[in-house]
C-alpha atoms as a PDB file:
ATOM      1  CA  MET A   1      -0.064  -0.053  -0.030  1.00  0.00           C
ATOM      2  CA  LYS A   2       2.818   2.390   0.861  1.00  0.00           C
ATOM      3  CA  GLY A   3       4.520   1.698  -2.355  1.00  0.00           C
ATOM      4  CA  MET A   4       1.414   2.642  -4.277  1.00  0.00           C
ATOM      5  CA  LEU A   5       0.987   5.721  -2.487  1.00  0.00           C
ATOM      6  CA  LEU A   6       4.601   6.791  -3.328  1.00  0.00           C
ATOM      7  CA  SER A   7       4.118   5.867  -6.884  1.00  0.00           C
ATOM      8  CA  ALA A   8       0.794   7.990  -7.267  1.00  0.00           C
ATOM      9  CA  LEU A   9       2.505  10.893  -5.426  1.00  0.00           C
ATOM     10  CA  ALA A  10       5.626  10.645  -7.932  1.00  0.00           C
ATOM     11  CA  ILE A  11       3.103  10.560 -10.892  1.00  0.00           C
ATOM     12  CA  PHE A  12       1.347  13.607  -9.547  1.00  0.00           C
ATOM     13  CA  ILE A  13       4.634  15.560  -9.013  1.00  0.00           C
ATOM     14  CA  LEU A  14       5.745  14.706 -12.531  1.00  0.00           C
ATOM     15  CA  CYS A  15       2.452  15.736 -13.936  1.00  0.00           C
ATOM     16  CA  VAL A  16       2.361  19.056 -11.980  1.00  0.00           C
ATOM     17  CA  ALA A  17       6.090  19.935 -11.810  1.00  0.00           C
ATOM     18  CA  VAL A  18       7.138  18.950 -15.555  1.00  0.00           C
ATOM     19  CA  PRO A  19       5.868  21.271 -18.562  1.00  0.00           C
ATOM     20  CA  THR A  20       4.180  19.391 -21.259  1.00  0.00           C
ATOM     21  CA  GLY A  21       4.472  21.696 -24.079  1.00  0.00           C
ATOM     22  CA  PRO A  22       7.330  23.865 -25.302  1.00  0.00           C
ATOM     23  CA  ALA A  23       8.594  26.726 -23.157  1.00  0.00           C
ATOM     24  CA  LEU A  24       7.288  30.044 -24.304  1.00  0.00           C
ATOM     25  CA  ALA A  25      10.505  32.075 -24.629  1.00  0.00           C
ATOM     26  CA  ASP A  26      11.116  35.549 -25.987  1.00  0.00           C
ATOM     27  CA  VAL A  27      12.768  35.494 -29.504  1.00  0.00           C
ATOM     28  CA  ASP A  28      15.952  37.312 -30.646  1.00  0.00           C
ATOM     29  CA  ASP A  29      15.105  38.564 -34.007  1.00  0.00           C
ATOM     30  CA  GLY A  30      17.833  41.258 -34.271  1.00  0.00           C
ATOM     31  CA  SER A  31      15.353  44.087 -33.132  1.00  0.00           C
ATOM     32  CA  LYS A  32      16.715  47.019 -30.885  1.00  0.00           C
ATOM     33  CA  ILE A  33      14.767  49.391 -28.871  1.00  0.00           C
ATOM     34  CA  THR A  34      15.928  52.556 -27.127  1.00  0.00           C
ATOM     35  CA  ILE A  35      14.009  54.939 -24.973  1.00  0.00           C
ATOM     36  CA  THR A  36      15.210  58.288 -26.136  1.00  0.00           C
ATOM     37  CA  SER A  37      12.954  60.485 -23.694  1.00  0.00           C
ATOM     38  CA  PRO A  38      12.830  60.870 -21.014  1.00  0.00           C
ATOM     39  CA  LYS A  39      16.346  59.884 -19.929  1.00  0.00           C
ATOM     40  CA  ASN A  40      17.146  57.225 -17.225  1.00  0.00           C
ATOM     41  CA  GLY A  41      16.841  58.961 -13.816  1.00  0.00           C
ATOM     42  CA  GLU A  42      15.217  62.128 -15.025  1.00  0.00           C
ATOM     43  CA  LYS A  43      12.877  64.210 -12.927  1.00  0.00           C
ATOM     44  CA  VAL A  44       9.693  64.893 -14.838  1.00  0.00           C
ATOM     45  CA  GLY A  45       6.211  66.333 -14.081  1.00  0.00           C
ATOM     46  CA  ASP A  46       3.182  64.039 -13.736  1.00  0.00           C
ATOM     47  CA  THR A  47       2.448  64.368 -17.459  1.00  0.00           C
ATOM     48  CA  PHE A  48       5.222  63.662 -20.107  1.00  0.00           C
ATOM     49  CA  GLU A  49       5.845  62.075 -23.511  1.00  0.00           C
ATOM     50  CA  LEU A  50       7.463  58.811 -23.996  1.00  0.00           C
ATOM     51  CA  LYS A  51       9.663  58.518 -27.139  1.00  0.00           C
ATOM     52  CA  TYR A  52      11.607  55.458 -28.220  1.00  0.00           C
ATOM     53  CA  GLU A  53      13.034  54.268 -31.308  1.00  0.00           C
ATOM     54  CA  LEU A  54      12.498  50.556 -32.723  1.00  0.00           C
ATOM     55  CA  VAL A  55      14.894  49.282 -35.066  1.00  0.00           C
ATOM     56  CA  LYS A  56      12.827  46.199 -36.662  1.00  0.00           C
ATOM     57  CA  GLY A  57      14.449  42.878 -36.945  1.00  0.00           C
ATOM     58  CA  SER A  58      12.726  40.050 -38.858  1.00  0.00           C
ATOM     59  CA  LYS A  59       9.667  39.756 -36.712  1.00  0.00           C
ATOM     60  CA  ALA A  60       9.169  43.134 -34.919  1.00  0.00           C
ATOM     61  CA  ALA A  61       5.872  45.251 -35.681  1.00  0.00           C
ATOM     62  CA  HIS A  62       5.739  47.522 -32.651  1.00  0.00           C
ATOM     63  CA  GLY A  63       6.627  48.264 -28.991  1.00  0.00           C
ATOM     64  CA  HIS A  64       4.680  47.334 -25.850  1.00  0.00           C
ATOM     65  CA  VAL A  65       4.880  49.855 -22.990  1.00  0.00           C
ATOM     66  CA  TYR A  66       4.759  48.949 -19.249  1.00  0.00           C
ATOM     67  CA  LEU A  67       4.590  51.302 -16.294  1.00  0.00           C
ATOM     68  CA  ASP A  68       5.765  49.888 -12.987  1.00  0.00           C
ATOM     69  CA  GLY A  69       5.444  46.300 -14.602  1.00  0.00           C
ATOM     70  CA  GLU A  70       1.657  46.872 -15.710  1.00  0.00           C
ATOM     71  CA  PRO A  71       0.858  46.849 -19.607  1.00  0.00           C
ATOM     72  CA  GLN A  72      -0.281  50.138 -20.923  1.00  0.00           C
ATOM     73  CA  LYS A  73      -3.082  49.040 -23.420  1.00  0.00           C
ATOM     74  CA  LYS A  74      -3.274  51.145 -26.586  1.00  0.00           C
ATOM     75  CA  PHE A  75      -0.566  53.616 -25.030  1.00  0.00           C
ATOM     76  CA  PRO A  76      -1.095  57.085 -26.717  1.00  0.00           C
ATOM     77  CA  GLY A  77       2.471  58.185 -26.115  1.00  0.00           C
ATOM     78  CA  THR A  78       1.954  60.434 -23.191  1.00  0.00           C
ATOM     79  CA  PHE A  79       1.671  59.518 -19.552  1.00  0.00           C
ATOM     80  CA  LYS A  80      -0.759  61.574 -17.583  1.00  0.00           C
ATOM     81  CA  GLY A  81      -1.471  62.113 -13.918  1.00  0.00           C
ATOM     82  CA  LEU A  82       1.361  59.930 -12.627  1.00  0.00           C
ATOM     83  CA  SER A  83       1.850  59.667  -8.876  1.00  0.00           C
ATOM     84  CA  LYS A  84       4.858  61.323  -7.522  1.00  0.00           C
ATOM     85  CA  GLY A  85       7.941  59.034  -6.768  1.00  0.00           C
ATOM     86  CA  LYS A  86      10.006  56.742  -8.831  1.00  0.00           C
ATOM     87  CA  HIS A  87       8.414  54.780 -11.728  1.00  0.00           C
ATOM     88  CA  GLU A  88       9.738  52.214 -13.948  1.00  0.00           C
ATOM     89  CA  ILE A  89       9.064  52.438 -17.755  1.00  0.00           C
ATOM     90  CA  LYS A  90       9.856  49.443 -19.954  1.00  0.00           C
ATOM     91  CA  VAL A  91       9.370  49.072 -23.736  1.00  0.00           C
ATOM     92  CA  GLN A  92       9.469  45.572 -25.178  1.00  0.00           C
ATOM     93  CA  ALA A  93       9.492  44.728 -28.930  1.00  0.00           C
ATOM     94  CA  ALA A  94       6.504  42.644 -30.091  1.00  0.00           C
ATOM     95  CA  THR A  95       5.223  40.945 -33.300  1.00  0.00           C
ATOM     96  CA  HIS A  96       2.194  41.581 -35.254  1.00  0.00           C
ATOM     97  CA  ASP A  97       0.623  38.744 -33.082  1.00  0.00           C
ATOM     98  CA  HIS A  98       1.745  40.643 -29.928  1.00  0.00           C
ATOM     99  CA  ASP A  99       4.391  37.661 -29.084  1.00  0.00           C
ATOM    100  CA  HIS A 100       7.339  39.373 -27.121  1.00  0.00           C
ATOM    101  CA  LEU A 101      10.850  39.477 -28.385  1.00  0.00           C
ATOM    102  CA  THR A 102      13.988  40.011 -26.462  1.00  0.00           C
ATOM    103  CA  ALA A 103      14.522  43.681 -27.490  1.00  0.00           C
ATOM    104  CA  THR A 104      13.654  45.709 -24.520  1.00  0.00           C
ATOM    105  CA  ASP A 105      14.898  49.106 -22.839  1.00  0.00           C
ATOM    106  CA  ALA A 106      13.924  50.353 -19.436  1.00  0.00           C
ATOM    107  CA  ILE A 107      14.342  53.562 -17.481  1.00  0.00           C
ATOM    108  CA  THR A 108      13.489  54.859 -14.005  1.00  0.00           C
ATOM    109  CA  VAL A 109      11.840  58.433 -13.786  1.00  0.00           C
ATOM    110  CA  VAL A 110      11.156  60.456 -10.772  1.00  0.00           C
ATOM    111  CA  VAL A 111       7.696  62.374 -10.736  1.00  0.00           C
ATOM    112  CA  GLU A 112       7.999  65.539  -8.894  1.00  0.00           C
END
């Protein structure tokens, strides 16, 4: 009985711990992203424009913008009404299907 319980436990652990499909990893297609404004560490007001350059590799179509780790859906290019303090801004290259690529750039700004 003890052997059957250990076997069942081992099967359960393998089913939960071992992924069954391919790992989803960001693809390096040769793209490059550079945030050009504001600069890393810059002090900004609560409303400011984000500018970045995307050099498209073989798959890149656009960039995804994140503020403090949260995606900014349909980002219009300007942050408005941010709270005072430090904020991290990240831009990551993405395909037409919104799959992430490895090209990223990130900065920290201080809203005064």
